[in-house]
Amino acid sequence: MADDQMLQEHRQQWLGFVKLMTWSVVLTITVLAGMAIFLL
């Protein structure tokens, strides 16, 4: 049972990390696109 609980906790942490990385990539692309539009 403890292993299953640890697995669920690890899975939740992994999903949170993936969500953070997704938002980071989207923000970076948005900033770069904005710089390309306004600085050229």
Protein backbone atom coordinates (compact mmCIF):
# COMPACT_ATOMS: atom_id res chain seq x y z
CA MET A 1 0.00 0.00 0.00
CA ALA A 2 2.79 2.43 0.84
CA ASP A 3 4.39 1.92 -2.56
CA ASP A 4 1.10 2.69 -4.28
CA GLN A 5 0.69 5.88 -2.26
CA MET A 6 4.26 6.95 -3.04
CA LEU A 7 3.66 6.19 -6.72
CA GLN A 8 0.53 8.37 -6.74
CA GLU A 9 2.42 11.19 -5.00
CA HIS A 10 5.29 10.91 -7.49
CA ARG A 11 2.82 10.90 -10.39
CA GLN A 12 1.15 14.07 -9.10
CA GLN A 13 4.54 15.76 -8.74
CA TRP A 14 5.48 14.70 -12.28
CA LEU A 15 2.20 16.04 -13.70
CA GLY A 16 2.79 19.34 -11.90
CA PHE A 17 6.31 19.53 -13.32
CA VAL A 18 5.06 18.81 -16.85
CA LYS A 19 2.38 21.50 -16.48
CA LEU A 20 5.02 23.99 -15.27
CA MET A 21 7.31 23.19 -18.19
CA THR A 22 4.42 23.49 -20.65
CA TRP A 23 3.51 26.95 -19.38
CA SER A 24 7.20 27.97 -19.40
CA VAL A 25 7.57 26.97 -23.06
CA VAL A 26 4.33 28.77 -24.01
CA LEU A 27 5.46 31.93 -22.20
CA THR A 28 8.90 31.80 -23.83
CA ILE A 29 7.40 31.39 -27.31
CA THR A 30 4.98 34.25 -26.64
CA VAL A 31 7.78 36.56 -25.49
CA LEU A 32 9.98 35.66 -28.47
CA ALA A 33 7.10 36.18 -30.92
CA GLY A 34 6.32 39.53 -29.31
CA MET A 35 9.97 40.59 -29.58
CA ALA A 36 10.05 39.52 -33.24
CA ILE A 37 6.94 41.57 -34.00
CA PHE A 38 7.77 44.73 -32.06
CA LEU A 39 11.54 44.91 -32.54
CA LEU A 40 11.64 44.46 -36.31
